[in-house]
């Protein structure tokens, strides 16, 4: 993951966001989305909490996007 240090003006603008916010450059080109909600980052070796029943339910549904398609889309987004 990359880190960008914001100037105070932009930091103040983002701190005022309450919902997902689309970020665009001065020409209006899409840069990404800012989510003001904190994200839980896990330390290496730490196991996140999960619901075994939910995992089983999702496995039985067999719905979703194939991993290969997800990989191709993510690779196409590389900067």
PDB file of N, CA and C in Angstrom:
ATOM      1  N   UNK A   1       0.847  -1.169   0.000  1.00  0.00           N
ATOM      2  CA  UNK A   1       0.000   0.000   0.000  1.00  0.00           C
ATOM      3  C   UNK A   1       0.891   1.229   0.000  1.00  0.00           C
ATOM      4  N   UNK A   2       0.513   2.198  -0.785  1.00  0.00           N
ATOM      5  CA  UNK A   2       1.250   3.454  -0.850  1.00  0.00           C
ATOM      6  C   UNK A   2       0.683   4.444   0.155  1.00  0.00           C
ATOM      7  N   UNK A   3       1.506   5.418   0.536  1.00  0.00           N
ATOM      8  CA  UNK A   3       1.080   6.475   1.450  1.00  0.00           C
ATOM      9  C   UNK A   3       1.332   7.820   0.789  1.00  0.00           C
ATOM     10  N   UNK A   4       0.357   8.704   0.882  1.00  0.00           N
ATOM     11  CA  UNK A   4       0.497  10.070   0.380  1.00  0.00           C
ATOM     12  C   UNK A   4       0.235  11.006   1.553  1.00  0.00           C
ATOM     13  N   UNK A   5       1.148  11.938   1.788  1.00  0.00           N
ATOM     14  CA  UNK A   5       0.967  12.934   2.838  1.00  0.00           C
ATOM     15  C   UNK A   5       0.280  14.147   2.236  1.00  0.00           C
ATOM     16  N   UNK A   6      -0.853  14.536   2.821  1.00  0.00           N
ATOM     17  CA  UNK A   6      -1.663  15.620   2.282  1.00  0.00           C
ATOM     18  C   UNK A   6      -1.220  16.960   2.844  1.00  0.00           C
ATOM     19  N   UNK A   7      -1.433  18.020   2.043  1.00  0.00           N
ATOM     20  CA  UNK A   7      -1.236  19.351   2.616  1.00  0.00           C
ATOM     21  C   UNK A   7      -2.446  19.636   3.517  1.00  0.00           C
ATOM     22  N   UNK A   8      -2.325  20.639   4.375  1.00  0.00           N
ATOM     23  CA  UNK A   8      -3.354  20.891   5.381  1.00  0.00           C
ATOM     24  C   UNK A   8      -4.708  21.229   4.770  1.00  0.00           C
ATOM     25  N   UNK A   9      -4.710  21.940   3.643  1.00  0.00           N
ATOM     26  CA  UNK A   9      -5.972  22.312   3.000  1.00  0.00           C
ATOM     27  C   UNK A   9      -6.741  21.074   2.561  1.00  0.00           C
ATOM     28  N   UNK A  10      -6.080  20.158   1.877  1.00  0.00           N
ATOM     29  CA  UNK A  10      -6.746  18.943   1.411  1.00  0.00           C
ATOM     30  C   UNK A  10      -7.139  18.059   2.600  1.00  0.00           C
ATOM     31  N   UNK A  11      -6.283  17.969   3.592  1.00  0.00           N
ATOM     32  CA  UNK A  11      -6.606  17.180   4.788  1.00  0.00           C
ATOM     33  C   UNK A  11      -7.879  17.717   5.446  1.00  0.00           C
ATOM     34  N   UNK A  12      -8.003  19.039   5.542  1.00  0.00           N
ATOM     35  CA  UNK A  12      -9.202  19.645   6.134  1.00  0.00           C
ATOM     36  C   UNK A  12     -10.447  19.331   5.313  1.00  0.00           C
ATOM     37  N   UNK A  13     -10.321  19.370   3.983  1.00  0.00           N
ATOM     38  CA  UNK A  13     -11.461  19.049   3.126  1.00  0.00           C
ATOM     39  C   UNK A  13     -11.903  17.603   3.346  1.00  0.00           C
ATOM     40  N   UNK A  14     -10.950  16.688   3.367  1.00  0.00           N
ATOM     41  CA  UNK A  14     -11.294  15.267   3.527  1.00  0.00           C
ATOM     42  C   UNK A  14     -11.858  14.978   4.912  1.00  0.00           C
ATOM     43  N   UNK A  15     -11.348  15.674   5.933  1.00  0.00           N
ATOM     44  CA  UNK A  15     -11.879  15.459   7.291  1.00  0.00           C
ATOM     45  C   UNK A  15     -13.332  15.892   7.399  1.00  0.00           C
ATOM     46  N   UNK A  16     -13.777  16.773   6.488  1.00  0.00           N
ATOM     47  CA  UNK A  16     -15.161  17.207   6.478  1.00  0.00           C
ATOM     48  C   UNK A  16     -16.103  16.235   5.780  1.00  0.00           C
ATOM     49  N   UNK A  17     -15.569  15.253   5.099  1.00  0.00           N
ATOM     50  CA  UNK A  17     -16.395  14.274   4.369  1.00  0.00           C
ATOM     51  C   UNK A  17     -17.049  13.304   5.351  1.00  0.00           C
ATOM     52  N   UNK A  18     -18.330  13.079   5.148  1.00  0.00           N
ATOM     53  CA  UNK A  18     -19.069  12.149   6.011  1.00  0.00           C
ATOM     54  C   UNK A  18     -19.372  10.821   5.306  1.00  0.00           C
ATOM     55  N   UNK A  19     -19.357  10.827   3.985  1.00  0.00           N
ATOM     56  CA  UNK A  19     -19.684   9.644   3.187  1.00  0.00           C
ATOM     57  C   UNK A  19     -18.565   9.396   2.182  1.00  0.00           C
ATOM     58  N   UNK A  20     -18.700   8.308   1.415  1.00  0.00           N
ATOM     59  CA  UNK A  20     -17.757   8.054   0.333  1.00  0.00           C
ATOM     60  C   UNK A  20     -17.684   9.278  -0.562  1.00  0.00           C
ATOM     61  N   UNK A  21     -16.479   9.647  -0.967  1.00  0.00           N
ATOM     62  CA  UNK A  21     -16.272  10.852  -1.762  1.00  0.00           C
ATOM     63  C   UNK A  21     -15.393  10.531  -2.961  1.00  0.00           C
ATOM     64  N   UNK A  22     -15.854  10.893  -4.153  1.00  0.00           N
ATOM     65  CA  UNK A  22     -15.077  10.679  -5.375  1.00  0.00           C
ATOM     66  C   UNK A  22     -14.009  11.762  -5.445  1.00  0.00           C
ATOM     67  N   UNK A  23     -12.775  11.357  -5.759  1.00  0.00           N
ATOM     68  CA  UNK A  23     -11.661  12.287  -5.918  1.00  0.00           C
ATOM     69  C   UNK A  23     -11.342  12.423  -7.400  1.00  0.00           C
ATOM     70  N   UNK A  24     -11.211  13.682  -7.858  1.00  0.00           N
ATOM     71  CA  UNK A  24     -10.906  13.969  -9.260  1.00  0.00           C
ATOM     72  C   UNK A  24      -9.760  14.965  -9.336  1.00  0.00           C
ATOM     73  N   UNK A  25      -8.999  14.886 -10.417  1.00  0.00           N
ATOM     74  CA  UNK A  25      -7.904  15.846 -10.611  1.00  0.00           C
ATOM     75  C   UNK A  25      -8.491  17.157 -11.135  1.00  0.00           C
ATOM     76  N   UNK A  26      -7.671  18.205 -11.299  1.00  0.00           N
ATOM     77  CA  UNK A  26      -8.203  19.501 -11.753  1.00  0.00           C
ATOM     78  C   UNK A  26      -8.917  19.454 -13.102  1.00  0.00           C
ATOM     79  N   UNK A  27      -8.606  18.463 -13.938  1.00  0.00           N
ATOM     80  CA  UNK A  27      -9.284  18.330 -15.233  1.00  0.00           C
ATOM     81  C   UNK A  27     -10.563  17.495 -15.131  1.00  0.00           C
ATOM     82  N   UNK A  28     -10.861  16.981 -13.952  1.00  0.00           N
ATOM     83  CA  UNK A  28     -12.076  16.197 -13.760  1.00  0.00           C
ATOM     84  C   UNK A  28     -11.896  14.703 -13.937  1.00  0.00           C
ATOM     85  N   UNK A  29     -10.659  14.260 -14.193  1.00  0.00           N
ATOM     86  CA  UNK A  29     -10.411  12.820 -14.369  1.00  0.00           C
ATOM     87  C   UNK A  29     -10.512  12.114 -13.019  1.00  0.00           C
ATOM     88  N   UNK A  30     -11.110  10.964 -13.035  1.00  0.00           N
ATOM     89  CA  UNK A  30     -11.317  10.158 -11.833  1.00  0.00           C
ATOM     90  C   UNK A  30      -9.985   9.682 -11.258  1.00  0.00           C
ATOM     91  N   UNK A  31      -9.786   9.908  -9.962  1.00  0.00           N
ATOM     92  CA  UNK A  31      -8.585   9.440  -9.267  1.00  0.00           C
ATOM     93  C   UNK A  31      -8.883   8.266  -8.342  1.00  0.00           C
ATOM     94  N   UNK A  32     -10.036   8.296  -7.715  1.00  0.00           N
ATOM     95  CA  UNK A  32     -10.369   7.241  -6.772  1.00  0.00           C
ATOM     96  C   UNK A  32     -11.482   7.675  -5.847  1.00  0.00           C
ATOM     97  N   UNK A  33     -11.648   6.915  -4.771  1.00  0.00           N
ATOM     98  CA  UNK A  33     -12.705   7.188  -3.804  1.00  0.00           C
ATOM     99  C   UNK A  33     -12.076   7.265  -2.421  1.00  0.00           C
ATOM    100  N   UNK A  34     -12.483   8.251  -1.655  1.00  0.00           N
ATOM    101  CA  UNK A  34     -12.054   8.395  -0.267  1.00  0.00           C
ATOM    102  C   UNK A  34     -13.179   7.913   0.628  1.00  0.00           C
ATOM    103  N   UNK A  35     -12.855   7.015   1.561  1.00  0.00           N
ATOM    104  CA  UNK A  35     -13.819   6.502   2.532  1.00  0.00           C
ATOM    105  C   UNK A  35     -13.411   7.022   3.905  1.00  0.00           C
ATOM    106  N   UNK A  36     -14.218   7.904   4.499  1.00  0.00           N
ATOM    107  CA  UNK A  36     -13.842   8.487   5.782  1.00  0.00           C
ATOM    108  C   UNK A  36     -13.926   7.525   6.959  1.00  0.00           C
ATOM    109  N   UNK A  37     -14.495   6.351   6.736  1.00  0.00           N
ATOM    110  CA  UNK A  37     -14.592   5.379   7.820  1.00  0.00           C
ATOM    111  C   UNK A  37     -13.238   4.714   8.032  1.00  0.00           C
ATOM    112  N   UNK A  38     -12.843   4.549   9.292  1.00  0.00           N
ATOM    113  CA  UNK A  38     -11.540   3.904   9.547  1.00  0.00           C
ATOM    114  C   UNK A  38     -11.534   2.458   9.050  1.00  0.00           C
ATOM    115  N   UNK A  39     -10.392   2.052   8.541  1.00  0.00           N
ATOM    116  CA  UNK A  39     -10.213   0.697   8.040  1.00  0.00           C
ATOM    117  C   UNK A  39      -9.355  -0.065   9.043  1.00  0.00           C
ATOM    118  N   UNK A  40      -9.753  -1.269   9.375  1.00  0.00           N
ATOM    119  CA  UNK A  40      -8.986  -2.094  10.315  1.00  0.00           C
ATOM    120  C   UNK A  40      -7.863  -2.776   9.551  1.00  0.00           C
ATOM    121  N   UNK A  41      -6.626  -2.444   9.888  1.00  0.00           N
ATOM    122  CA  UNK A  41      -5.466  -3.082   9.281  1.00  0.00           C
ATOM    123  C   UNK A  41      -4.928  -4.124  10.249  1.00  0.00           C
ATOM    124  N   UNK A  42      -4.604  -5.283   9.738  1.00  0.00           N
ATOM    125  CA  UNK A  42      -4.112  -6.379  10.565  1.00  0.00           C
ATOM    126  C   UNK A  42      -2.595  -6.466  10.493  1.00  0.00           C
ATOM    127  N   UNK A  43      -1.990  -6.759  11.624  1.00  0.00           N
ATOM    128  CA  UNK A  43      -0.548  -6.966  11.670  1.00  0.00           C
ATOM    129  C   UNK A  43      -0.226  -8.313  11.027  1.00  0.00           C
ATOM    130  N   UNK A  44       0.990  -8.458  10.539  1.00  0.00           N
ATOM    131  CA  UNK A  44       1.406  -9.716   9.939  1.00  0.00           C
ATOM    132  C   UNK A  44       1.238 -10.850  10.949  1.00  0.00           C
ATOM    133  N   UNK A  45       0.587 -11.909  10.541  1.00  0.00           N
ATOM    134  CA  UNK A  45       0.364 -13.058  11.409  1.00  0.00           C
ATOM    135  C   UNK A  45      -0.905 -12.969  12.232  1.00  0.00           C
ATOM    136  N   UNK A  46      -1.510 -11.787  12.310  1.00  0.00           N
ATOM    137  CA  UNK A  46      -2.755 -11.613  13.054  1.00  0.00           C
ATOM    138  C   UNK A  46      -3.912 -12.162  12.220  1.00  0.00           C
ATOM    139  N   UNK A  47      -4.809 -12.867  12.849  1.00  0.00           N
ATOM    140  CA  UNK A  47      -5.938 -13.472  12.140  1.00  0.00           C
ATOM    141  C   UNK A  47      -7.191 -12.637  12.387  1.00  0.00           C
ATOM    142  N   UNK A  48      -7.802 -12.115  11.314  1.00  0.00           N
ATOM    143  CA  UNK A  48      -9.019 -11.315  11.499  1.00  0.00           C
ATOM    144  C   UNK A  48     -10.187 -12.191  11.954  1.00  0.00           C
ATOM    145  N   UNK A  49     -11.141 -11.551  12.633  1.00  0.00           N
ATOM    146  CA  UNK A  49     -12.343 -12.280  13.058  1.00  0.00           C
ATOM    147  C   UNK A  49     -13.192 -12.592  11.827  1.00  0.00           C
ATOM    148  N   UNK A  50     -13.838 -13.757  11.839  1.00  0.00           N
ATOM    149  CA  UNK A  50     -14.740 -14.099  10.749  1.00  0.00           C
ATOM    150  C   UNK A  50     -15.837 -14.995  11.300  1.00  0.00           C
ATOM    151  N   UNK A  51     -16.909 -15.051  10.573  1.00  0.00           N
ATOM    152  CA  UNK A  51     -18.079 -15.827  10.974  1.00  0.00           C
ATOM    153  C   UNK A  51     -18.100 -17.122  10.170  1.00  0.00           C
ATOM    154  N   UNK A  52     -17.827 -18.218  10.819  1.00  0.00           N
ATOM    155  CA  UNK A  52     -17.782 -19.535  10.155  1.00  0.00           C
ATOM    156  C   UNK A  52     -19.101 -19.848   9.451  1.00  0.00           C
ATOM    157  N   UNK A  53     -20.221 -19.524  10.064  1.00  0.00           N
ATOM    158  CA  UNK A  53     -21.528 -19.795   9.461  1.00  0.00           C
ATOM    159  C   UNK A  53     -21.705 -18.993   8.170  1.00  0.00           C
ATOM    160  N   UNK A  54     -21.249 -17.740   8.170  1.00  0.00           N
ATOM    161  CA  UNK A  54     -21.354 -16.910   6.968  1.00  0.00           C
ATOM    162  C   UNK A  54     -20.482 -17.467   5.850  1.00  0.00           C
ATOM    163  N   UNK A  55     -19.285 -17.902   6.177  1.00  0.00           N
ATOM    164  CA  UNK A  55     -18.412 -18.500   5.167  1.00  0.00           C
ATOM    165  C   UNK A  55     -19.050 -19.742   4.561  1.00  0.00           C
ATOM    166  N   UNK A  56     -19.633 -20.572   5.386  1.00  0.00           N
ATOM    167  CA  UNK A  56     -20.303 -21.785   4.890  1.00  0.00           C
ATOM    168  C   UNK A  56     -21.499 -21.438   4.014  1.00  0.00           C
ATOM    169  N   UNK A  57     -22.283 -20.447   4.438  1.00  0.00           N
ATOM    170  CA  UNK A  57     -23.451 -20.034   3.654  1.00  0.00           C
ATOM    171  C   UNK A  57     -23.021 -19.533   2.277  1.00  0.00           C
ATOM    172  N   UNK A  58     -21.972 -18.733   2.232  1.00  0.00           N
ATOM    173  CA  UNK A  58     -21.503 -18.206   0.947  1.00  0.00           C
ATOM    174  C   UNK A  58     -20.937 -19.312   0.063  1.00  0.00           C
ATOM    175  N   UNK A  59     -20.274 -20.277   0.658  1.00  0.00           N
ATOM    176  CA  UNK A  59     -19.726 -21.394  -0.121  1.00  0.00           C
ATOM    177  C   UNK A  59     -20.851 -22.198  -0.767  1.00  0.00           C
ATOM    178  N   UNK A  60     -21.957 -22.352  -0.082  1.00  0.00           N
ATOM    179  CA  UNK A  60     -23.090 -23.104  -0.626  1.00  0.00           C
ATOM    180  C   UNK A  60     -23.785 -22.344  -1.759  1.00  0.00           C
ATOM    181  N   UNK A  61     -23.788 -21.020  -1.696  1.00  0.00           N
ATOM    182  CA  UNK A  61     -24.443 -20.217  -2.738  1.00  0.00           C
ATOM    183  C   UNK A  61     -23.681 -20.250  -4.047  1.00  0.00           C
ATOM    184  N   UNK A  62     -22.377 -20.359  -3.973  1.00  0.00           N
ATOM    185  CA  UNK A  62     -21.520 -20.398  -5.168  1.00  0.00           C
ATOM    186  C   UNK A  62     -21.767 -19.204  -6.082  1.00  0.00           C
ATOM    187  N   UNK A  63     -22.011 -18.042  -5.496  1.00  0.00           N
ATOM    188  CA  UNK A  63     -22.195 -16.831  -6.281  1.00  0.00           C
ATOM    189  C   UNK A  63     -20.970 -15.953  -6.106  1.00  0.00           C
ATOM    190  N   UNK A  64     -20.780 -15.084  -7.041  1.00  0.00           N
ATOM    191  CA  UNK A  64     -19.665 -14.158  -6.937  1.00  0.00           C
ATOM    192  C   UNK A  64     -18.944 -14.031  -8.260  1.00  0.00           C
ATOM    193  N   UNK A  65     -17.793 -13.420  -8.186  1.00  0.00           N
ATOM    194  CA  UNK A  65     -16.986 -13.185  -9.379  1.00  0.00           C
ATOM    195  C   UNK A  65     -15.814 -14.159  -9.360  1.00  0.00           C
ATOM    196  N   UNK A  66     -15.553 -14.836 -10.462  1.00  0.00           N
ATOM    197  CA  UNK A  66     -14.426 -15.770 -10.503  1.00  0.00           C
ATOM    198  C   UNK A  66     -13.102 -15.065 -10.181  1.00  0.00           C
ATOM    199  N   UNK A  67     -12.253 -15.733  -9.436  1.00  0.00           N
ATOM    200  CA  UNK A  67     -10.974 -15.160  -9.011  1.00  0.00           C
ATOM    201  C   UNK A  67     -10.130 -14.698 -10.187  1.00  0.00           C
ATOM    202  N   UNK A  68     -10.143 -15.437 -11.276  1.00  0.00           N
ATOM    203  CA  UNK A  68      -9.342 -15.076 -12.448  1.00  0.00           C
ATOM    204  C   UNK A  68      -9.797 -13.733 -13.018  1.00  0.00           C
ATOM    205  N   UNK A  69     -11.101 -13.494 -13.051  1.00  0.00           N
ATOM    206  CA  UNK A  69     -11.616 -12.222 -13.541  1.00  0.00           C
ATOM    207  C   UNK A  69     -11.200 -11.089 -12.600  1.00  0.00           C
ATOM    208  N   UNK A  70     -11.293 -11.304 -11.316  1.00  0.00           N
ATOM    209  CA  UNK A  70     -10.876 -10.293 -10.340  1.00  0.00           C
ATOM    210  C   UNK A  70      -9.399  -9.966 -10.534  1.00  0.00           C
ATOM    211  N   UNK A  71      -8.567 -10.980 -10.724  1.00  0.00           N
ATOM    212  CA  UNK A  71      -7.132 -10.776 -10.912  1.00  0.00           C
ATOM    213  C   UNK A  71      -6.874  -9.925 -12.158  1.00  0.00           C
ATOM    214  N   UNK A  72      -7.545 -10.252 -13.272  1.00  0.00           N
ATOM    215  CA  UNK A  72      -7.337  -9.510 -14.519  1.00  0.00           C
ATOM    216  C   UNK A  72      -7.750  -8.049 -14.370  1.00  0.00           C
ATOM    217  N   UNK A  73      -8.871  -7.808 -13.709  1.00  0.00           N
ATOM    218  CA  UNK A  73      -9.325  -6.431 -13.513  1.00  0.00           C
ATOM    219  C   UNK A  73      -8.347  -5.662 -12.638  1.00  0.00           C
ATOM    220  N   UNK A  74      -7.897  -6.266 -11.546  1.00  0.00           N
ATOM    221  CA  UNK A  74      -6.947  -5.598 -10.657  1.00  0.00           C
ATOM    222  C   UNK A  74      -5.633  -5.308 -11.374  1.00  0.00           C
ATOM    223  N   UNK A  75      -5.159  -6.230 -12.178  1.00  0.00           N
ATOM    224  CA  UNK A  75      -3.916  -6.008 -12.919  1.00  0.00           C
ATOM    225  C   UNK A  75      -4.070  -4.864 -13.926  1.00  0.00           C
ATOM    226  N   UNK A  76      -5.246  -4.711 -14.491  1.00  0.00           N
ATOM    227  CA  UNK A  76      -5.472  -3.634 -15.462  1.00  0.00           C
ATOM    228  C   UNK A  76      -5.465  -2.268 -14.794  1.00  0.00           C
ATOM    229  N   UNK A  77      -5.621  -2.208 -13.470  1.00  0.00           N
ATOM    230  CA  UNK A  77      -5.700  -0.930 -12.745  1.00  0.00           C
ATOM    231  C   UNK A  77      -4.351  -0.459 -12.219  1.00  0.00           C
ATOM    232  N   UNK A  78      -3.302  -1.231 -12.438  1.00  0.00           N
ATOM    233  CA  UNK A  78      -1.994  -0.852 -11.908  1.00  0.00           C
ATOM    234  C   UNK A  78      -1.564   0.513 -12.418  1.00  0.00           C
ATOM    235  N   UNK A  79      -0.978   1.293 -11.520  1.00  0.00           N
ATOM    236  CA  UNK A  79      -0.491   2.641 -11.872  1.00  0.00           C
ATOM    237  C   UNK A  79       0.857   2.549 -12.534  1.00  0.00           C
TER     238      UNK A  79
END
